[in-house]
PDB file of all heavy atoms in Angstrom:
ATOM      1  N   THR A   1       4.861 -13.906  31.810  1.00  0.00           N
ATOM      2  CA  THR A   1       6.407 -14.058  32.047  1.00  0.00           C
ATOM      3  C   THR A   1       6.920 -15.567  31.980  1.00  0.00           C
ATOM      4  O   THR A   1       8.011 -15.789  31.724  1.00  0.00           O
ATOM      5  CB  THR A   1       6.912 -13.475  33.254  1.00  0.00           C
ATOM      6  OG1 THR A   1       6.288 -14.010  34.370  1.00  0.00           O
ATOM      7  CG2 THR A   1       6.713 -11.936  33.226  1.00  0.00           C
ATOM      8  N   THR A   2       5.966 -16.454  32.206  1.00  0.00           N
ATOM      9  CA  THR A   2       6.354 -17.893  32.178  1.00  0.00           C
ATOM     10  C   THR A   2       6.299 -18.443  30.824  1.00  0.00           C
ATOM     11  O   THR A   2       6.766 -19.604  30.536  1.00  0.00           O
ATOM     12  CB  THR A   2       5.254 -18.717  32.959  1.00  0.00           C
ATOM     13  OG1 THR A   2       3.937 -18.604  32.268  1.00  0.00           O
ATOM     14  CG2 THR A   2       5.122 -18.213  34.330  1.00  0.00           C
ATOM     15  N   VAL A   3       6.058 -17.608  29.746  1.00  0.00           N
ATOM     16  CA  VAL A   3       5.944 -18.037  28.282  1.00  0.00           C
ATOM     17  C   VAL A   3       7.320 -18.529  27.828  1.00  0.00           C
ATOM     18  O   VAL A   3       7.410 -19.575  27.149  1.00  0.00           O
ATOM     19  CB  VAL A   3       5.276 -17.004  27.318  1.00  0.00           C
ATOM     20  CG1 VAL A   3       5.527 -17.387  25.982  1.00  0.00           C
ATOM     21  CG2 VAL A   3       3.887 -16.787  27.761  1.00  0.00           C
ATOM     22  N   THR A   4       8.382 -17.802  28.152  1.00  0.00           N
ATOM     23  CA  THR A   4       9.688 -18.105  27.675  1.00  0.00           C
ATOM     24  C   THR A   4      10.191 -19.456  28.101  1.00  0.00           C
ATOM     25  O   THR A   4      10.852 -20.093  27.350  1.00  0.00           O
ATOM     26  CB  THR A   4      10.663 -17.043  28.150  1.00  0.00           C
ATOM     27  OG1 THR A   4      10.637 -16.997  29.716  1.00  0.00           O
ATOM     28  CG2 THR A   4      10.457 -15.645  27.560  1.00  0.00           C
ATOM     29  N   ALA A   5       9.656 -19.958  29.322  1.00  0.00           N
ATOM     30  CA  ALA A   5      10.126 -21.279  29.744  1.00  0.00           C
ATOM     31  C   ALA A   5       9.407 -22.433  28.838  1.00  0.00           C
ATOM     32  O   ALA A   5       9.762 -23.560  28.983  1.00  0.00           O
ATOM     33  CB  ALA A   5       9.858 -21.419  31.157  1.00  0.00           C
ATOM     34  N   MET A   6       8.369 -22.051  28.095  1.00  0.00           N
ATOM     35  CA  MET A   6       7.580 -23.043  27.343  1.00  0.00           C
ATOM     36  C   MET A   6       7.891 -22.979  25.905  1.00  0.00           C
ATOM     37  O   MET A   6       7.297 -23.665  25.082  1.00  0.00           O
ATOM     38  CB  MET A   6       6.125 -22.795  27.632  1.00  0.00           C
ATOM     39  CG  MET A   6       5.699 -22.783  29.079  1.00  0.00           C
ATOM     40  SD  MET A   6       3.932 -22.506  29.348  1.00  0.00           S
ATOM     41  CE  MET A   6       3.812 -22.733  31.032  1.00  0.00           C
ATOM     42  N   GLU A   7       8.724 -22.137  25.451  1.00  0.00           N
ATOM     43  CA  GLU A   7       8.961 -21.810  23.967  1.00  0.00           C
ATOM     44  C   GLU A   7       9.328 -22.994  23.215  1.00  0.00           C
ATOM     45  O   GLU A   7       9.035 -23.306  22.025  1.00  0.00           O
ATOM     46  CB  GLU A   7       9.873 -20.756  23.693  1.00  0.00           C
ATOM     47  CG  GLU A   7       9.252 -19.370  24.205  1.00  0.00           C
ATOM     48  CD  GLU A   7      10.377 -18.285  23.953  1.00  0.00           C
ATOM     49  OE1 GLU A   7      11.389 -18.499  23.520  1.00  0.00           O
ATOM     50  OE2 GLU A   7       9.958 -17.003  24.057  1.00  0.00           O
ATOM     51  N   SER A   8      10.039 -23.956  23.905  1.00  0.00           N
ATOM     52  CA  SER A   8      10.415 -25.270  23.306  1.00  0.00           C
ATOM     53  C   SER A   8       9.265 -26.282  23.170  1.00  0.00           C
ATOM     54  O   SER A   8       9.434 -27.312  22.550  1.00  0.00           O
ATOM     55  CB  SER A   8      11.544 -25.842  24.045  1.00  0.00           C
ATOM     56  OG  SER A   8      11.131 -26.306  25.270  1.00  0.00           O
ATOM     57  N   GLN A   9       8.139 -25.999  23.749  1.00  0.00           N
ATOM     58  CA  GLN A   9       6.891 -26.895  23.526  1.00  0.00           C
ATOM     59  C   GLN A   9       5.906 -26.289  22.810  1.00  0.00           C
ATOM     60  O   GLN A   9       5.218 -25.277  23.132  1.00  0.00           O
ATOM     61  CB  GLN A   9       6.474 -27.184  25.046  1.00  0.00           C
ATOM     62  CG  GLN A   9       7.490 -27.668  25.990  1.00  0.00           C
ATOM     63  CD  GLN A   9       6.951 -27.911  27.361  1.00  0.00           C
ATOM     64  OE1 GLN A   9       5.858 -28.365  27.471  1.00  0.00           O
ATOM     65  NE2 GLN A   9       7.627 -27.555  28.333  1.00  0.00           N
ATOM     66  N   PRO A  10       5.760 -26.522  21.458  1.00  0.00           N
ATOM     67  CA  PRO A  10       5.064 -25.772  20.569  1.00  0.00           C
ATOM     68  C   PRO A  10       3.502 -25.863  20.758  1.00  0.00           C
ATOM     69  O   PRO A  10       2.769 -24.819  20.344  1.00  0.00           O
ATOM     70  CB  PRO A  10       5.363 -26.585  19.211  1.00  0.00           C
ATOM     71  CG  PRO A  10       5.713 -27.900  19.672  1.00  0.00           C
ATOM     72  CD  PRO A  10       6.384 -27.702  21.036  1.00  0.00           C
ATOM     73  N   PHE A  11       3.027 -26.872  21.397  1.00  0.00           N
ATOM     74  CA  PHE A  11       1.502 -27.019  21.617  1.00  0.00           C
ATOM     75  C   PHE A  11       1.178 -27.213  23.000  1.00  0.00           C
ATOM     76  O   PHE A  11       0.790 -28.378  23.383  1.00  0.00           O
ATOM     77  CB  PHE A  11       0.832 -27.955  20.632  1.00  0.00           C
ATOM     78  CG  PHE A  11       1.004 -27.567  19.220  1.00  0.00           C
ATOM     79  CD1 PHE A  11       1.947 -28.175  18.288  1.00  0.00           C
ATOM     80  CD2 PHE A  11       0.133 -26.520  18.613  1.00  0.00           C
ATOM     81  CE1 PHE A  11       2.075 -27.746  17.026  1.00  0.00           C
ATOM     82  CE2 PHE A  11       0.366 -26.101  17.370  1.00  0.00           C
ATOM     83  CZ  PHE A  11       1.243 -26.822  16.503  1.00  0.00           C
ATOM     84  N   ILE A  12       1.184 -26.243  23.880  1.00  0.00           N
ATOM     85  CA  ILE A  12       0.867 -26.427  25.314  1.00  0.00           C
ATOM     86  C   ILE A  12      -0.624 -25.905  25.449  1.00  0.00           C
ATOM     87  O   ILE A  12      -0.950 -24.733  25.014  1.00  0.00           O
ATOM     88  CB  ILE A  12       1.765 -25.600  26.211  1.00  0.00           C
ATOM     89  CG1 ILE A  12       3.148 -26.277  26.074  1.00  0.00           C
ATOM     90  CG2 ILE A  12       1.328 -25.678  27.571  1.00  0.00           C
ATOM     91  CD1 ILE A  12       4.208 -25.615  26.865  1.00  0.00           C
ATOM     92  N   ARG A  13      -1.421 -26.729  25.893  1.00  0.00           N
ATOM     93  CA  ARG A  13      -2.833 -26.327  26.082  1.00  0.00           C
ATOM     94  C   ARG A  13      -3.268 -26.362  27.523  1.00  0.00           C
ATOM     95  O   ARG A  13      -2.685 -26.975  28.415  1.00  0.00           O
ATOM     96  CB  ARG A  13      -3.827 -27.229  25.273  1.00  0.00           C
ATOM     97  CG  ARG A  13      -3.386 -27.121  23.753  1.00  0.00           C
ATOM     98  CD  ARG A  13      -4.451 -27.997  22.979  1.00  0.00           C
ATOM     99  NE  ARG A  13      -4.198 -27.854  21.508  1.00  0.00           N
ATOM    100  CZ  ARG A  13      -4.426 -26.806  20.768  1.00  0.00           C
ATOM    101  NH1 ARG A  13      -5.065 -25.826  21.235  1.00  0.00           N
ATOM    102  NH2 ARG A  13      -4.024 -26.959  19.459  1.00  0.00           N
ATOM    103  N   THR A  14      -4.313 -25.574  27.825  1.00  0.00           N
ATOM    104  CA  THR A  14      -5.044 -25.635  29.247  1.00  0.00           C
ATOM    105  C   THR A  14      -5.669 -26.897  29.507  1.00  0.00           C
ATOM    106  O   THR A  14      -5.851 -27.649  28.539  1.00  0.00           O
ATOM    107  CB  THR A  14      -5.943 -24.371  29.346  1.00  0.00           C
ATOM    108  OG1 THR A  14      -6.846 -24.409  28.245  1.00  0.00           O
ATOM    109  CG2 THR A  14      -5.164 -23.065  29.329  1.00  0.00           C
ATOM    110  N   PRO A  15      -5.906 -27.178  30.724  1.00  0.00           N
ATOM    111  CA  PRO A  15      -6.569 -28.358  31.023  1.00  0.00           C
ATOM    112  C   PRO A  15      -8.024 -28.647  30.230  1.00  0.00           C
ATOM    113  O   PRO A  15      -8.596 -27.613  29.710  1.00  0.00           O
ATOM    114  CB  PRO A  15      -7.017 -28.317  32.488  1.00  0.00           C
ATOM    115  CG  PRO A  15      -5.949 -27.327  33.021  1.00  0.00           C
ATOM    116  CD  PRO A  15      -5.764 -26.442  31.858  1.00  0.00           C
ATOM    117  N   ALA A  16      -8.436 -29.883  30.051  1.00  0.00           N
ATOM    118  CA  ALA A  16      -9.674 -30.300  29.422  1.00  0.00           C
ATOM    119  C   ALA A  16     -10.851 -29.379  30.042  1.00  0.00           C
ATOM    120  O   ALA A  16     -10.927 -29.205  31.120  1.00  0.00           O
ATOM    121  CB  ALA A  16      -9.939 -31.740  29.472  1.00  0.00           C
ATOM    122  N   CYS A  17     -11.614 -28.923  28.991  1.00  0.00           N
ATOM    123  CA  CYS A  17     -12.774 -28.127  29.314  1.00  0.00           C
ATOM    124  C   CYS A  17     -13.995 -28.839  29.363  1.00  0.00           C
ATOM    125  O   CYS A  17     -14.163 -30.069  29.215  1.00  0.00           O
ATOM    126  CB  CYS A  17     -12.931 -26.944  28.432  1.00  0.00           C
ATOM    127  SG  CYS A  17     -13.734 -25.521  29.039  1.00  0.00           S
ATOM    128  N   HIS A  18     -15.139 -28.058  29.737  1.00  0.00           N
ATOM    129  CA  HIS A  18     -16.451 -28.773  29.831  1.00  0.00           C
ATOM    130  C   HIS A  18     -17.090 -29.029  28.503  1.00  0.00           C
ATOM    131  O   HIS A  18     -16.695 -28.548  27.498  1.00  0.00           O
ATOM    132  CB  HIS A  18     -17.475 -27.869  30.588  1.00  0.00           C
ATOM    133  CG  HIS A  18     -17.786 -26.498  29.809  1.00  0.00           C
ATOM    134  ND1 HIS A  18     -16.828 -25.482  29.762  1.00  0.00           N
ATOM    135  CD2 HIS A  18     -18.708 -26.180  29.017  1.00  0.00           C
ATOM    136  CE1 HIS A  18     -17.309 -24.491  28.966  1.00  0.00           C
ATOM    137  NE2 HIS A  18     -18.471 -24.914  28.529  1.00  0.00           N
ATOM    138  N   THR A  19     -18.064 -29.992  28.608  1.00  0.00           N
ATOM    139  CA  THR A  19     -18.830 -30.348  27.479  1.00  0.00           C
ATOM    140  C   THR A  19     -20.383 -30.394  27.737  1.00  0.00           C
ATOM    141  O   THR A  19     -20.656 -30.468  28.991  1.00  0.00           O
ATOM    142  CB  THR A  19     -18.455 -31.722  26.759  1.00  0.00           C
ATOM    143  OG1 THR A  19     -18.573 -32.742  27.823  1.00  0.00           O
ATOM    144  CG2 THR A  19     -16.935 -31.601  26.333  1.00  0.00           C
ATOM    145  N   GLY A  20     -21.103 -30.350  26.776  1.00  0.00           N
ATOM    146  CA  GLY A  20     -22.618 -30.362  27.173  1.00  0.00           C
ATOM    147  C   GLY A  20     -22.988 -29.098  27.745  1.00  0.00           C
ATOM    148  O   GLY A  20     -22.411 -27.996  27.705  1.00  0.00           O
ATOM    149  N   HIS A  21     -24.232 -29.111  28.361  1.00  0.00           N
ATOM    150  CA  HIS A  21     -24.673 -27.934  29.235  1.00  0.00           C
ATOM    151  C   HIS A  21     -24.700 -28.415  30.620  1.00  0.00           C
ATOM    152  O   HIS A  21     -25.138 -29.458  30.989  1.00  0.00           O
ATOM    153  CB  HIS A  21     -26.140 -27.573  28.639  1.00  0.00           C
ATOM    154  CG  HIS A  21     -27.156 -28.559  28.654  1.00  0.00           C
ATOM    155  ND1 HIS A  21     -27.133 -29.616  27.838  1.00  0.00           N
ATOM    156  CD2 HIS A  21     -28.248 -28.644  29.487  1.00  0.00           C
ATOM    157  CE1 HIS A  21     -28.305 -30.431  28.074  1.00  0.00           C
ATOM    158  NE2 HIS A  21     -28.913 -29.815  29.095  1.00  0.00           N
ATOM    159  N   ILE A  22     -24.056 -27.466  31.412  1.00  0.00           N
ATOM    160  CA  ILE A  22     -23.791 -27.668  32.863  1.00  0.00           C
ATOM    161  C   ILE A  22     -24.720 -27.082  33.733  1.00  0.00           C
ATOM    162  O   ILE A  22     -24.916 -25.807  33.689  1.00  0.00           O
ATOM    163  CB  ILE A  22     -22.231 -27.207  33.148  1.00  0.00           C
ATOM    164  CG1 ILE A  22     -21.273 -27.782  32.076  1.00  0.00           C
ATOM    165  CG2 ILE A  22     -21.967 -27.654  34.580  1.00  0.00           C
ATOM    166  CD1 ILE A  22     -21.214 -29.289  32.007  1.00  0.00           C
ATOM    167  N   LEU A  23     -25.339 -27.782  34.721  1.00  0.00           N
ATOM    168  CA  LEU A  23     -26.167 -27.173  35.684  1.00  0.00           C
ATOM    169  C   LEU A  23     -25.327 -26.434  36.679  1.00  0.00           C
ATOM    170  O   LEU A  23     -24.450 -26.928  37.241  1.00  0.00           O
ATOM    171  CB  LEU A  23     -26.948 -28.254  36.316  1.00  0.00           C
ATOM    172  CG  LEU A  23     -27.930 -27.822  37.481  1.00  0.00           C
ATOM    173  CD1 LEU A  23     -29.030 -26.951  37.058  1.00  0.00           C
ATOM    174  CD2 LEU A  23     -28.515 -29.101  38.246  1.00  0.00           C
ATOM    175  N   VAL A  24     -25.718 -25.121  36.768  1.00  0.00           N
ATOM    176  CA  VAL A  24     -24.951 -24.262  37.638  1.00  0.00           C
ATOM    177  C   VAL A  24     -25.730 -23.871  38.811  1.00  0.00           C
ATOM    178  O   VAL A  24     -25.214 -23.760  39.919  1.00  0.00           O
ATOM    179  CB  VAL A  24     -24.333 -23.039  36.869  1.00  0.00           C
ATOM    180  CG1 VAL A  24     -23.528 -22.021  37.769  1.00  0.00           C
ATOM    181  CG2 VAL A  24     -23.691 -23.450  35.633  1.00  0.00           C
ATOM    182  N   TYR A  25     -27.005 -23.504  38.652  1.00  0.00           N
ATOM    183  CA  TYR A  25     -27.904 -23.058  39.713  1.00  0.00           C
ATOM    184  C   TYR A  25     -29.200 -23.744  39.707  1.00  0.00           C
ATOM    185  O   TYR A  25     -29.696 -24.175  38.667  1.00  0.00           O
ATOM    186  CB  TYR A  25     -28.241 -21.575  39.506  1.00  0.00           C
ATOM    187  CG  TYR A  25     -26.931 -20.640  39.503  1.00  0.00           C
ATOM    188  CD1 TYR A  25     -26.737 -19.859  38.311  1.00  0.00           C
ATOM    189  CD2 TYR A  25     -26.081 -20.485  40.543  1.00  0.00           C
ATOM    190  CE1 TYR A  25     -25.696 -18.947  38.347  1.00  0.00           C
ATOM    191  CE2 TYR A  25     -25.026 -19.657  40.449  1.00  0.00           C
ATOM    192  CZ  TYR A  25     -24.829 -18.948  39.331  1.00  0.00           C
ATOM    193  OH  TYR A  25     -23.722 -18.100  39.100  1.00  0.00           O
ATOM    194  N   GLU A  26     -29.711 -23.913  40.939  1.00  0.00           N
ATOM    195  CA  GLU A  26     -31.222 -24.271  41.052  1.00  0.00           C
ATOM    196  C   GLU A  26     -31.823 -23.255  42.102  1.00  0.00           C
ATOM    197  O   GLU A  26     -31.369 -22.967  43.155  1.00  0.00           O
ATOM    198  CB  GLU A  26     -31.370 -25.734  41.686  1.00  0.00           C
ATOM    199  CG  GLU A  26     -30.884 -26.702  40.746  1.00  0.00           C
ATOM    200  CD  GLU A  26     -31.079 -28.057  41.117  1.00  0.00           C
ATOM    201  OE1 GLU A  26     -32.363 -28.504  41.212  1.00  0.00           O
ATOM    202  OE2 GLU A  26     -30.277 -28.912  41.394  1.00  0.00           O
ATOM    203  N   VAL A  27     -32.975 -22.666  41.594  1.00  0.00           N
ATOM    204  CA  VAL A  27     -33.568 -21.712  42.513  1.00  0.00           C
ATOM    205  C   VAL A  27     -35.166 -21.995  42.317  1.00  0.00           C
ATOM    206  O   VAL A  27     -35.690 -21.883  41.272  1.00  0.00           O
ATOM    207  CB  VAL A  27     -33.331 -20.226  41.968  1.00  0.00           C
ATOM    208  CG1 VAL A  27     -33.566 -19.978  40.578  1.00  0.00           C
ATOM    209  CG2 VAL A  27     -34.004 -19.237  42.881  1.00  0.00           C
ATOM    210  N   GLY A  28     -35.714 -22.285  43.409  1.00  0.00           N
ATOM    211  CA  GLY A  28     -37.166 -22.803  43.405  1.00  0.00           C
ATOM    212  C   GLY A  28     -37.313 -24.064  42.490  1.00  0.00           C
ATOM    213  O   GLY A  28     -36.451 -25.016  42.597  1.00  0.00           O
ATOM    214  N   ASN A  29     -38.128 -23.913  41.563  1.00  0.00           N
ATOM    215  CA  ASN A  29     -38.328 -25.042  40.501  1.00  0.00           C
ATOM    216  C   ASN A  29     -37.571 -24.949  39.252  1.00  0.00           C
ATOM    217  O   ASN A  29     -37.637 -25.686  38.318  1.00  0.00           O
ATOM    218  CB  ASN A  29     -39.800 -25.201  40.137  1.00  0.00           C
ATOM    219  CG  ASN A  29     -40.617 -25.597  41.297  1.00  0.00           C
ATOM    220  OD1 ASN A  29     -40.296 -26.398  42.164  1.00  0.00           O
ATOM    221  ND2 ASN A  29     -41.830 -25.066  41.394  1.00  0.00           N
ATOM    222  N   HIS A  30     -36.683 -23.832  39.304  1.00  0.00           N
ATOM    223  CA  HIS A  30     -35.902 -23.510  38.032  1.00  0.00           C
ATOM    224  C   HIS A  30     -34.634 -23.964  38.069  1.00  0.00           C
ATOM    225  O   HIS A  30     -33.815 -24.031  39.202  1.00  0.00           O
ATOM    226  CB  HIS A  30     -35.954 -22.034  37.909  1.00  0.00           C
ATOM    227  CG  HIS A  30     -37.260 -21.342  38.028  1.00  0.00           C
ATOM    228  ND1 HIS A  30     -38.388 -21.892  37.381  1.00  0.00           N
ATOM    229  CD2 HIS A  30     -37.848 -20.350  38.642  1.00  0.00           C
ATOM    230  CE1 HIS A  30     -39.584 -21.105  37.653  1.00  0.00           C
ATOM    231  NE2 HIS A  30     -39.120 -20.192  38.430  1.00  0.00           N
ATOM    232  N   LYS A  31     -34.032 -24.462  36.899  1.00  0.00           N
ATOM    233  CA  LYS A  31     -32.648 -24.737  36.799  1.00  0.00           C
ATOM    234  C   LYS A  31     -31.963 -23.873  35.670  1.00  0.00           C
ATOM    235  O   LYS A  31     -32.529 -23.511  34.796  1.00  0.00           O
ATOM    236  CB  LYS A  31     -32.539 -26.272  36.202  1.00  0.00           C
ATOM    237  CG  LYS A  31     -33.056 -27.276  37.273  1.00  0.00           C
ATOM    238  CD  LYS A  31     -32.986 -28.705  36.774  1.00  0.00           C
ATOM    239  CE  LYS A  31     -33.520 -29.697  37.777  1.00  0.00           C
ATOM    240  NZ  LYS A  31     -33.362 -31.068  37.424  1.00  0.00           N
ATOM    241  N   ILE A  32     -30.745 -23.567  36.006  1.00  0.00           N
ATOM    242  CA  ILE A  32     -30.029 -22.589  35.232  1.00  0.00           C
ATOM    243  C   ILE A  32     -28.641 -23.178  34.756  1.00  0.00           C
ATOM    244  O   ILE A  32     -27.928 -23.602  35.592  1.00  0.00           O
ATOM    245  CB  ILE A  32     -29.673 -21.255  35.868  1.00  0.00           C
ATOM    246  CG1 ILE A  32     -31.082 -20.641  36.184  1.00  0.00           C
ATOM    247  CG2 ILE A  32     -28.908 -20.164  34.995  1.00  0.00           C
ATOM    248  CD1 ILE A  32     -30.854 -19.342  36.980  1.00  0.00           C
ATOM    249  N   TYR A  33     -28.403 -23.347  33.347  1.00  0.00           N
ATOM    250  CA  TYR A  33     -27.142 -23.973  32.908  1.00  0.00           C
ATOM    251  C   TYR A  33     -26.419 -22.999  32.266  1.00  0.00           C
ATOM    252  O   TYR A  33     -26.733 -21.944  31.749  1.00  0.00           O
ATOM    253  CB  TYR A  33     -27.659 -25.045  31.810  1.00  0.00           C
ATOM    254  CG  TYR A  33     -28.647 -26.133  32.377  1.00  0.00           C
ATOM    255  CD1 TYR A  33     -29.976 -25.890  32.572  1.00  0.00           C
ATOM    256  CD2 TYR A  33     -28.110 -27.298  32.774  1.00  0.00           C
ATOM    257  CE1 TYR A  33     -30.730 -26.901  32.990  1.00  0.00           C
ATOM    258  CE2 TYR A  33     -28.969 -28.474  33.161  1.00  0.00           C
ATOM    259  CZ  TYR A  33     -30.297 -28.194  33.389  1.00  0.00           C
ATOM    260  OH  TYR A  33     -31.109 -29.140  33.844  1.00  0.00           O
ATOM    261  N   GLY A  34     -25.148 -23.332  31.884  1.00  0.00           N
ATOM    262  CA  GLY A  34     -24.134 -22.679  31.139  1.00  0.00           C
ATOM    263  C   GLY A  34     -23.674 -23.590  30.004  1.00  0.00           C
ATOM    264  O   GLY A  34     -23.683 -24.982  30.211  1.00  0.00           O
ATOM    265  N   ALA A  35     -23.456 -23.102  28.801  1.00  0.00           N
ATOM    266  CA  ALA A  35     -23.067 -23.939  27.688  1.00  0.00           C
ATOM    267  C   ALA A  35     -22.272 -23.072  26.586  1.00  0.00           C
ATOM    268  O   ALA A  35     -22.387 -21.872  26.636  1.00  0.00           O
ATOM    269  CB  ALA A  35     -24.237 -24.643  26.983  1.00  0.00           C
ATOM    270  N   GLY A  36     -21.637 -23.849  25.735  1.00  0.00           N
ATOM    271  CA  GLY A  36     -21.041 -23.215  24.541  1.00  0.00           C
ATOM    272  C   GLY A  36     -21.496 -23.963  23.278  1.00  0.00           C
ATOM    273  O   GLY A  36     -21.737 -25.178  23.342  1.00  0.00           O
TER     274      GLY A  36
END
């Protein structure tokens, strides 16, 4: 419903996103990452 208030702004984008592969978890000697 907030879209109509933004119609005059043609290119509205969400905040900057992650880059690279991100360390998310460590369990024992293991590391688990997320990436695109």
